Amino acid sequence: MSEKNISELRKKRKMHSDLLEVAIVLAFIFLIISIYVPRAIWDEEEYFENQSRFHMENMYDVQNFYNSLLEEYNPDGLWVMKVVNSVRDSLTGDSTYLGEQPITLNGKSFTVNVPKGFDVDFDTTFGFPMTRRDTIMDTTMTIVMFSEDLSRNDTIYIQKKRLDHFQADSNFVALLEEVGSERVEVVSYYDSYMPDSSMYFCPVTEKPYLFSIKDEGNIIRVDSPIEETIVRNRYAIFAFKAGNHGFIDDGSKSWDR
């Protein structure tokens, strides 16, 4: 075999080797995409499903607050939200805004009956339970008081903020010591939010949720507006899919069954 043929053979082998390496790299990239892209799409589908159901829960709760004010449900979710939020705002400015109260919204005047505890129920319903750790600085005072029961002086320990009260007592004898201390206290609270108009719409279709009033106006139902499975292409060979996200009927959630 001539040197020319040997050289060409080597070139072909090198080219085949290079092509094989490229093919291996591409196969590896495709493998990574096949593993991670579907996972990302599933996470996206789950996110929108959870978000949509969260919106439905909020709209159902808003309807119930509206019902507590006007003893009726209303299929206009945006109007219901405006009324409920307006009452909550009024309670923020005036804690005595209770009982029958006149209200004017969008040129409409009507009367709402605000129950006691409306603000607390609102903040706990539309809020996320949270905890925090607060560092509390305390000062303990050691004082001597004359005890009439014991007929002698008695040493007691009190908080500094109560010192004036004891010093005003005729049985107060003396202040012996003042000691500072520090303690950590776990405080539970709600990170509250106001329902807004975005919750009136499905995050996938951007269509409003469907409200139906049943049982002579005593029951409200909230439905997802998705009628058929929505398919959206992702990266040419993958697809995002969203089916109907369920409903809430008289407090019963379809996804809890």
C-alpha atoms as a PDB file:
ATOM      1  CA  MET A   1       0.000   0.000   0.000  1.00  0.00           C
ATOM      2  CA  SER A   2       1.435   3.338  -1.027  1.00  0.00           C
ATOM      3  CA  GLU A   3       2.113   6.136   1.426  1.00  0.00           C
ATOM      4  CA  LYS A   4      -0.587   8.197  -0.273  1.00  0.00           C
ATOM      5  CA  ASN A   5      -3.216   5.546   0.390  1.00  0.00           C
ATOM      6  CA  ILE A   6      -2.039   5.152   3.974  1.00  0.00           C
ATOM      7  CA  SER A   7      -2.302   8.922   4.500  1.00  0.00           C
ATOM      8  CA  GLU A   8      -5.832   9.015   3.073  1.00  0.00           C
ATOM      9  CA  LEU A   9      -6.825   6.069   5.252  1.00  0.00           C
ATOM     10  CA  ARG A  10      -5.523   7.860   8.337  1.00  0.00           C
ATOM     11  CA  LYS A  11      -7.455  10.984   7.398  1.00  0.00           C
ATOM     12  CA  LYS A  12     -10.648   8.966   6.982  1.00  0.00           C
ATOM     13  CA  ARG A  13     -10.128   7.259  10.333  1.00  0.00           C
ATOM     14  CA  LYS A  14      -9.524  10.617  12.022  1.00  0.00           C
ATOM     15  CA  MET A  15     -12.629  12.056  10.389  1.00  0.00           C
ATOM     16  CA  HIS A  16     -14.684   9.066  11.527  1.00  0.00           C
ATOM     17  CA  SER A  17     -13.213   9.418  15.005  1.00  0.00           C
ATOM     18  CA  ASP A  18     -14.094  13.127  15.087  1.00  0.00           C
ATOM     19  CA  LEU A  19     -17.620  12.417  13.878  1.00  0.00           C
ATOM     20  CA  LEU A  20     -18.002   9.741  16.527  1.00  0.00           C
ATOM     21  CA  GLU A  21     -16.876  12.172  19.227  1.00  0.00           C
ATOM     22  CA  VAL A  22     -19.343  14.792  17.983  1.00  0.00           C
ATOM     23  CA  ALA A  23     -22.102  12.177  17.936  1.00  0.00           C
ATOM     24  CA  ILE A  24     -21.254  11.150  21.507  1.00  0.00           C
ATOM     25  CA  VAL A  25     -21.319  14.781  22.673  1.00  0.00           C
ATOM     26  CA  LEU A  26     -24.646  15.414  20.924  1.00  0.00           C
ATOM     27  CA  ALA A  27     -26.097  12.222  22.378  1.00  0.00           C
ATOM     28  CA  PHE A  28     -24.949  13.273  25.841  1.00  0.00           C
ATOM     29  CA  ILE A  29     -26.509  16.724  25.412  1.00  0.00           C
ATOM     30  CA  PHE A  30     -29.750  15.155  24.197  1.00  0.00           C
ATOM     31  CA  LEU A  31     -29.717  12.807  27.194  1.00  0.00           C
ATOM     32  CA  ILE A  32     -29.332  15.752  29.577  1.00  0.00           C
ATOM     33  CA  ILE A  33     -32.141  17.618  27.814  1.00  0.00           C
ATOM     34  CA  SER A  34     -34.360  14.523  27.928  1.00  0.00           C
ATOM     35  CA  ILE A  35     -33.840  14.285  31.683  1.00  0.00           C
ATOM     36  CA  TYR A  36     -34.067  17.913  32.775  1.00  0.00           C
ATOM     37  CA  VAL A  37     -36.429  19.589  30.299  1.00  0.00           C
ATOM     38  CA  PRO A  38     -39.409  17.294  31.039  1.00  0.00           C
ATOM     39  CA  ARG A  39     -38.780  17.809  34.753  1.00  0.00           C
ATOM     40  CA  ALA A  40     -38.824  21.576  34.242  1.00  0.00           C
ATOM     41  CA  ILE A  41     -42.055  21.311  32.247  1.00  0.00           C
ATOM     42  CA  TRP A  42     -43.668  19.144  34.930  1.00  0.00           C
ATOM     43  CA  ASP A  43     -42.642  21.700  37.544  1.00  0.00           C
ATOM     44  CA  GLU A  44     -44.173  24.443  35.395  1.00  0.00           C
ATOM     45  CA  GLU A  45     -47.412  22.476  35.041  1.00  0.00           C
ATOM     46  CA  GLU A  46     -47.526  21.878  38.791  1.00  0.00           C
ATOM     47  CA  TYR A  47     -46.807  25.544  39.505  1.00  0.00           C
ATOM     48  CA  PHE A  48     -49.692  26.755  37.339  1.00  0.00           C
ATOM     49  CA  GLU A  49     -52.013  24.111  38.766  1.00  0.00           C
ATOM     50  CA  ASN A  50     -51.201  25.159  42.343  1.00  0.00           C
ATOM     51  CA  GLN A  51     -51.439  28.838  41.443  1.00  0.00           C
ATOM     52  CA  SER A  52     -54.823  28.355  39.798  1.00  0.00           C
ATOM     53  CA  ARG A  53     -56.187  26.429  42.763  1.00  0.00           C
ATOM     54  CA  PHE A  54     -54.841  29.077  45.119  1.00  0.00           C
ATOM     55  CA  HIS A  55     -56.733  31.686  43.096  1.00  0.00           C
ATOM     56  CA  MET A  56     -59.920  29.610  43.260  1.00  0.00           C
ATOM     57  CA  GLU A  57     -59.596  29.249  47.027  1.00  0.00           C
ATOM     58  CA  ASN A  58     -59.213  33.007  47.355  1.00  0.00           C
ATOM     59  CA  MET A  59     -62.193  33.727  45.128  1.00  0.00           C
ATOM     60  CA  TYR A  60     -64.318  31.264  47.079  1.00  0.00           C
ATOM     61  CA  ASP A  61     -63.297  32.887  50.373  1.00  0.00           C
ATOM     62  CA  VAL A  62     -63.961  36.371  48.983  1.00  0.00           C
ATOM     63  CA  GLN A  63     -67.461  35.249  48.031  1.00  0.00           C
ATOM     64  CA  ASN A  64     -68.079  34.026  51.580  1.00  0.00           C
ATOM     65  CA  PHE A  65     -66.922  37.325  53.068  1.00  0.00           C
ATOM     66  CA  TYR A  66     -69.228  39.114  50.646  1.00  0.00           C
ATOM     67  CA  ASN A  67     -72.046  36.840  51.789  1.00  0.00           C
ATOM     68  CA  SER A  68     -71.345  37.731  55.431  1.00  0.00           C
ATOM     69  CA  LEU A  69     -71.747  41.411  54.519  1.00  0.00           C
ATOM     70  CA  LEU A  70     -74.781  41.263  52.231  1.00  0.00           C
ATOM     71  CA  GLU A  71     -76.267  37.805  52.876  1.00  0.00           C
ATOM     72  CA  GLU A  72     -75.970  36.876  49.215  1.00  0.00           C
ATOM     73  CA  TYR A  73     -73.488  35.682  46.623  1.00  0.00           C
ATOM     74  CA  ASN A  74     -72.677  37.528  43.411  1.00  0.00           C
ATOM     75  CA  PRO A  75     -71.376  36.013  40.137  1.00  0.00           C
ATOM     76  CA  ASP A  76     -69.353  39.173  39.446  1.00  0.00           C
ATOM     77  CA  GLY A  77     -66.114  38.204  41.169  1.00  0.00           C
ATOM     78  CA  LEU A  78     -64.365  41.532  40.591  1.00  0.00           C
ATOM     79  CA  TRP A  79     -67.239  43.465  42.163  1.00  0.00           C
ATOM     80  CA  VAL A  80     -67.320  41.074  45.115  1.00  0.00           C
ATOM     81  CA  MET A  81     -63.595  41.606  45.650  1.00  0.00           C
ATOM     82  CA  LYS A  82     -63.938  45.390  45.546  1.00  0.00           C
ATOM     83  CA  VAL A  83     -66.674  45.363  48.180  1.00  0.00           C
ATOM     84  CA  VAL A  84     -64.823  43.028  50.544  1.00  0.00           C
ATOM     85  CA  ASN A  85     -61.504  44.865  50.207  1.00  0.00           C
ATOM     86  CA  SER A  86     -63.236  48.210  50.694  1.00  0.00           C
ATOM     87  CA  VAL A  87     -64.755  47.048  53.977  1.00  0.00           C
ATOM     88  CA  ARG A  88     -61.373  45.766  55.153  1.00  0.00           C
ATOM     89  CA  ASP A  89     -59.780  49.119  54.291  1.00  0.00           C
ATOM     90  CA  SER A  90     -62.498  50.924  56.240  1.00  0.00           C
ATOM     91  CA  LEU A  91     -61.840  48.740  59.283  1.00  0.00           C
ATOM     92  CA  THR A  92     -58.142  49.534  59.046  1.00  0.00           C
ATOM     93  CA  GLY A  93     -58.930  53.227  59.348  1.00  0.00           C
ATOM     94  CA  ASP A  94     -61.759  52.853  61.873  1.00  0.00           C
ATOM     95  CA  SER A  95     -62.022  49.811  64.145  1.00  0.00           C
ATOM     96  CA  THR A  96     -65.606  50.798  65.051  1.00  0.00           C
ATOM     97  CA  TYR A  97     -66.739  50.304  61.454  1.00  0.00           C
ATOM     98  CA  LEU A  98     -69.152  47.539  62.496  1.00  0.00           C
ATOM     99  CA  GLY A  99     -72.816  46.711  62.059  1.00  0.00           C
ATOM    100  CA  GLU A 100     -74.841  48.379  59.321  1.00  0.00           C
ATOM    101  CA  GLN A 101     -72.654  50.790  57.387  1.00  0.00           C
ATOM    102  CA  PRO A 102     -73.325  52.787  54.198  1.00  0.00           C
ATOM    103  CA  ILE A 103     -70.875  52.273  51.361  1.00  0.00           C
ATOM    104  CA  THR A 104     -70.477  53.786  47.901  1.00  0.00           C
ATOM    105  CA  LEU A 105     -68.477  52.051  45.160  1.00  0.00           C
ATOM    106  CA  ASN A 106     -68.399  52.755  41.429  1.00  0.00           C
ATOM    107  CA  GLY A 107     -71.322  55.132  41.825  1.00  0.00           C
ATOM    108  CA  LYS A 108     -73.429  52.541  43.664  1.00  0.00           C
ATOM    109  CA  SER A 109     -74.640  53.207  47.203  1.00  0.00           C
ATOM    110  CA  PHE A 110     -75.754  50.371  49.448  1.00  0.00           C
ATOM    111  CA  THR A 111     -75.530  49.128  53.030  1.00  0.00           C
ATOM    112  CA  VAL A 112     -73.333  46.358  54.383  1.00  0.00           C
ATOM    113  CA  ASN A 113     -73.612  44.643  57.753  1.00  0.00           C
ATOM    114  CA  VAL A 114     -70.061  44.259  59.079  1.00  0.00           C
ATOM    115  CA  PRO A 115     -69.825  41.478  61.684  1.00  0.00           C
ATOM    116  CA  LYS A 116     -67.546  41.763  64.693  1.00  0.00           C
ATOM    117  CA  GLY A 117     -64.191  40.120  64.036  1.00  0.00           C
ATOM    118  CA  PHE A 118     -64.423  40.649  60.272  1.00  0.00           C
ATOM    119  CA  ASP A 119     -60.906  42.117  60.176  1.00  0.00           C
ATOM    120  CA  VAL A 120     -59.358  39.249  62.141  1.00  0.00           C
ATOM    121  CA  ASP A 121     -61.084  36.622  60.006  1.00  0.00           C
ATOM    122  CA  PHE A 122     -59.986  38.465  56.870  1.00  0.00           C
ATOM    123  CA  ASP A 123     -56.337  38.686  57.925  1.00  0.00           C
ATOM    124  CA  THR A 124     -56.133  35.027  58.935  1.00  0.00           C
ATOM    125  CA  THR A 125     -57.948  33.808  55.817  1.00  0.00           C
ATOM    126  CA  PHE A 126     -55.880  35.909  53.440  1.00  0.00           C
ATOM    127  CA  GLY A 127     -52.565  35.412  55.157  1.00  0.00           C
ATOM    128  CA  PHE A 128     -49.739  32.956  55.573  1.00  0.00           C
ATOM    129  CA  PRO A 129     -49.008  31.726  59.119  1.00  0.00           C
ATOM    130  CA  MET A 130     -45.499  32.764  60.095  1.00  0.00           C
ATOM    131  CA  THR A 131     -43.267  32.701  63.162  1.00  0.00           C
ATOM    132  CA  ARG A 132     -40.400  34.894  64.212  1.00  0.00           C
ATOM    133  CA  ARG A 133     -37.988  35.027  67.115  1.00  0.00           C
ATOM    134  CA  ASP A 134     -37.953  38.274  69.064  1.00  0.00           C
ATOM    135  CA  THR A 135     -35.201  39.115  71.527  1.00  0.00           C
ATOM    136  CA  ILE A 136     -36.786  40.563  74.657  1.00  0.00           C
ATOM    137  CA  MET A 137     -34.752  42.668  77.072  1.00  0.00           C
ATOM    138  CA  ASP A 138     -36.000  42.395  80.643  1.00  0.00           C
ATOM    139  CA  THR A 139     -34.842  44.118  83.798  1.00  0.00           C
ATOM    140  CA  THR A 140     -35.550  42.343  87.073  1.00  0.00           C
ATOM    141  CA  MET A 141     -35.702  44.418  90.246  1.00  0.00           C
ATOM    142  CA  THR A 142     -35.069  42.970  93.690  1.00  0.00           C
ATOM    143  CA  ILE A 143     -37.034  44.912  96.298  1.00  0.00           C
ATOM    144  CA  VAL A 144     -37.937  44.597  99.947  1.00  0.00           C
ATOM    145  CA  MET A 145     -41.567  44.883 100.995  1.00  0.00           C
ATOM    146  CA  PHE A 146     -43.053  44.651 104.455  1.00  0.00           C
ATOM    147  CA  SER A 147     -45.421  41.680 104.540  1.00  0.00           C
ATOM    148  CA  GLU A 148     -48.358  42.175 106.863  1.00  0.00           C
ATOM    149  CA  ASP A 149     -49.151  38.462 106.682  1.00  0.00           C
ATOM    150  CA  LEU A 150     -45.641  37.516 107.814  1.00  0.00           C
ATOM    151  CA  SER A 151     -45.153  40.576 110.015  1.00  0.00           C
ATOM    152  CA  ARG A 152     -41.659  41.010 108.600  1.00  0.00           C
ATOM    153  CA  ASN A 153     -39.781  42.269 105.578  1.00  0.00           C
ATOM    154  CA  ASP A 154     -39.911  40.053 102.499  1.00  0.00           C
ATOM    155  CA  THR A 155     -37.696  40.058  99.397  1.00  0.00           C
ATOM    156  CA  ILE A 156     -39.499  39.837  96.057  1.00  0.00           C
ATOM    157  CA  TYR A 157     -38.547  40.067  92.366  1.00  0.00           C
ATOM    158  CA  ILE A 158     -40.467  42.243  89.927  1.00  0.00           C
ATOM    159  CA  GLN A 159     -40.152  43.651  86.397  1.00  0.00           C
ATOM    160  CA  LYS A 160     -38.784  47.166  86.195  1.00  0.00           C
ATOM    161  CA  LYS A 161     -41.967  48.482  84.581  1.00  0.00           C
ATOM    162  CA  ARG A 162     -43.855  47.635  87.796  1.00  0.00           C
ATOM    163  CA  LEU A 163     -41.407  49.389  90.118  1.00  0.00           C
ATOM    164  CA  ASP A 164     -43.407  52.624  90.366  1.00  0.00           C
ATOM    165  CA  HIS A 165     -46.464  50.670  91.442  1.00  0.00           C
ATOM    166  CA  PHE A 166     -44.596  49.004  94.320  1.00  0.00           C
ATOM    167  CA  GLN A 167     -42.765  52.171  95.362  1.00  0.00           C
ATOM    168  CA  ALA A 168     -46.123  53.888  95.761  1.00  0.00           C
ATOM    169  CA  ASP A 169     -47.154  51.170  98.210  1.00  0.00           C
ATOM    170  CA  SER A 170     -46.797  52.136 101.884  1.00  0.00           C
ATOM    171  CA  ASN A 171     -45.202  48.731 102.561  1.00  0.00           C
ATOM    172  CA  PHE A 172     -42.278  49.422 100.232  1.00  0.00           C
ATOM    173  CA  VAL A 173     -38.974  49.291 102.118  1.00  0.00           C
ATOM    174  CA  ALA A 174     -36.033  49.357  99.737  1.00  0.00           C
ATOM    175  CA  LEU A 175     -34.648  48.627  96.280  1.00  0.00           C
ATOM    176  CA  LEU A 176     -31.803  46.126  96.548  1.00  0.00           C
ATOM    177  CA  GLU A 177     -30.702  45.246  93.030  1.00  0.00           C
ATOM    178  CA  GLU A 178     -31.373  45.777  89.336  1.00  0.00           C
ATOM    179  CA  VAL A 179     -30.382  42.966  86.942  1.00  0.00           C
ATOM    180  CA  GLY A 180     -30.769  42.976  83.155  1.00  0.00           C
ATOM    181  CA  SER A 181     -31.617  39.788  81.271  1.00  0.00           C
ATOM    182  CA  GLU A 182     -32.263  38.713  77.706  1.00  0.00           C
ATOM    183  CA  ARG A 183     -34.673  36.071  76.417  1.00  0.00           C
ATOM    184  CA  VAL A 184     -35.887  34.869  73.030  1.00  0.00           C
ATOM    185  CA  GLU A 185     -39.617  34.687  72.436  1.00  0.00           C
ATOM    186  CA  VAL A 186     -41.270  32.869  69.513  1.00  0.00           C
ATOM    187  CA  VAL A 187     -44.080  34.997  68.088  1.00  0.00           C
ATOM    188  CA  SER A 188     -46.754  33.621  65.744  1.00  0.00           C
ATOM    189  CA  TYR A 189     -48.405  35.966  63.269  1.00  0.00           C
ATOM    190  CA  TYR A 190     -50.025  36.125  59.831  1.00  0.00           C
ATOM    191  CA  ASP A 191     -48.368  37.696  56.811  1.00  0.00           C
ATOM    192  CA  SER A 192     -51.592  39.077  55.365  1.00  0.00           C
ATOM    193  CA  TYR A 193     -52.310  40.185  51.815  1.00  0.00           C
ATOM    194  CA  MET A 194     -55.212  41.773  49.970  1.00  0.00           C
ATOM    195  CA  PRO A 195     -56.862  39.673  47.245  1.00  0.00           C
ATOM    196  CA  ASP A 196     -56.357  41.434  43.923  1.00  0.00           C
ATOM    197  CA  SER A 197     -57.865  41.280  40.454  1.00  0.00           C
ATOM    198  CA  SER A 198     -55.210  38.843  39.185  1.00  0.00           C
ATOM    199  CA  MET A 199     -56.810  36.147  41.343  1.00  0.00           C
ATOM    200  CA  TYR A 200     -60.015  36.481  39.348  1.00  0.00           C
ATOM    201  CA  PHE A 201     -58.297  35.000  36.293  1.00  0.00           C
ATOM    202  CA  CYS A 202     -56.853  31.575  35.530  1.00  0.00           C
ATOM    203  CA  PRO A 203     -53.055  31.974  35.196  1.00  0.00           C
ATOM    204  CA  VAL A 204     -52.960  29.616  32.195  1.00  0.00           C
ATOM    205  CA  THR A 205     -55.839  30.893  30.052  1.00  0.00           C
ATOM    206  CA  GLU A 206     -56.184  34.373  31.602  1.00  0.00           C
ATOM    207  CA  LYS A 207     -59.933  33.750  31.542  1.00  0.00           C
ATOM    208  CA  PRO A 208     -62.082  34.506  34.619  1.00  0.00           C
ATOM    209  CA  TYR A 209     -63.133  31.700  36.903  1.00  0.00           C
ATOM    210  CA  LEU A 210     -66.712  30.522  36.589  1.00  0.00           C
ATOM    211  CA  PHE A 211     -69.146  31.206  39.433  1.00  0.00           C
ATOM    212  CA  SER A 212     -72.450  29.411  39.816  1.00  0.00           C
ATOM    213  CA  ILE A 213     -74.973  30.055  42.579  1.00  0.00           C
ATOM    214  CA  LYS A 214     -77.090  27.092  43.665  1.00  0.00           C
ATOM    215  CA  ASP A 215     -79.639  26.021  46.257  1.00  0.00           C
ATOM    216  CA  GLU A 216     -81.675  29.233  46.035  1.00  0.00           C
ATOM    217  CA  GLY A 217     -78.612  31.394  46.551  1.00  0.00           C
ATOM    218  CA  ASN A 218     -77.200  29.512  49.538  1.00  0.00           C
ATOM    219  CA  ILE A 219     -74.287  27.758  47.806  1.00  0.00           C
ATOM    220  CA  ILE A 220     -71.509  29.134  45.614  1.00  0.00           C
ATOM    221  CA  ARG A 221     -69.350  27.083  43.264  1.00  0.00           C
ATOM    222  CA  VAL A 222     -66.092  28.177  41.625  1.00  0.00           C
ATOM    223  CA  ASP A 223     -64.884  26.329  38.508  1.00  0.00           C
ATOM    224  CA  SER A 224     -61.718  26.379  36.440  1.00  0.00           C
ATOM    225  CA  PRO A 225     -62.401  27.909  33.000  1.00  0.00           C
ATOM    226  CA  ILE A 226     -60.293  25.251  31.220  1.00  0.00           C
ATOM    227  CA  GLU A 227     -62.635  23.032  29.207  1.00  0.00           C
ATOM    228  CA  GLU A 228     -60.130  21.080  27.099  1.00  0.00           C
ATOM    229  CA  THR A 229     -56.513  20.195  27.775  1.00  0.00           C
ATOM    230  CA  ILE A 230     -54.237  23.039  26.728  1.00  0.00           C
ATOM    231  CA  VAL A 231     -51.059  21.995  24.905  1.00  0.00           C
ATOM    232  CA  ARG A 232     -48.181  24.392  24.275  1.00  0.00           C
ATOM    233  CA  ASN A 233     -44.981  23.379  22.509  1.00  0.00           C
ATOM    234  CA  ARG A 234     -41.712  23.554  24.384  1.00  0.00           C
ATOM    235  CA  TYR A 235     -38.340  23.134  22.638  1.00  0.00           C
ATOM    236  CA  ALA A 236     -39.910  21.596  19.508  1.00  0.00           C
ATOM    237  CA  ILE A 237     -40.196  18.036  20.830  1.00  0.00           C
ATOM    238  CA  PHE A 238     -41.725  18.660  24.270  1.00  0.00           C
ATOM    239  CA  ALA A 239     -45.068  20.085  25.344  1.00  0.00           C
ATOM    240  CA  PHE A 240     -46.605  21.899  28.311  1.00  0.00           C
ATOM    241  CA  LYS A 241     -50.050  20.515  29.157  1.00  0.00           C
ATOM    242  CA  ALA A 242     -52.710  21.961  31.437  1.00  0.00           C
ATOM    243  CA  GLY A 243     -55.995  20.246  32.152  1.00  0.00           C
ATOM    244  CA  ASN A 244     -58.975  21.487  34.122  1.00  0.00           C
ATOM    245  CA  HIS A 245     -57.798  22.554  37.576  1.00  0.00           C
ATOM    246  CA  GLY A 246     -60.971  21.487  39.338  1.00  0.00           C
ATOM    247  CA  PHE A 247     -63.639  23.292  41.333  1.00  0.00           C
ATOM    248  CA  ILE A 248     -64.773  24.283  44.808  1.00  0.00           C
ATOM    249  CA  ASP A 249     -68.392  23.481  45.558  1.00  0.00           C
ATOM    250  CA  ASP A 250     -69.804  24.676  48.894  1.00  0.00           C
ATOM    251  CA  GLY A 251     -66.333  24.450  50.443  1.00  0.00           C
ATOM    252  CA  SER A 252     -65.563  21.005  49.013  1.00  0.00           C
ATOM    253  CA  LYS A 253     -62.444  21.015  46.819  1.00  0.00           C
ATOM    254  CA  SER A 254     -62.351  18.547  43.937  1.00  0.00           C
ATOM    255  CA  TRP A 255     -58.596  18.014  44.346  1.00  0.00           C
ATOM    256  CA  ASP A 256     -59.008  16.903  47.981  1.00  0.00           C
ATOM    257  CA  ARG A 257     -61.292  14.021  47.103  1.00  0.00           C
END
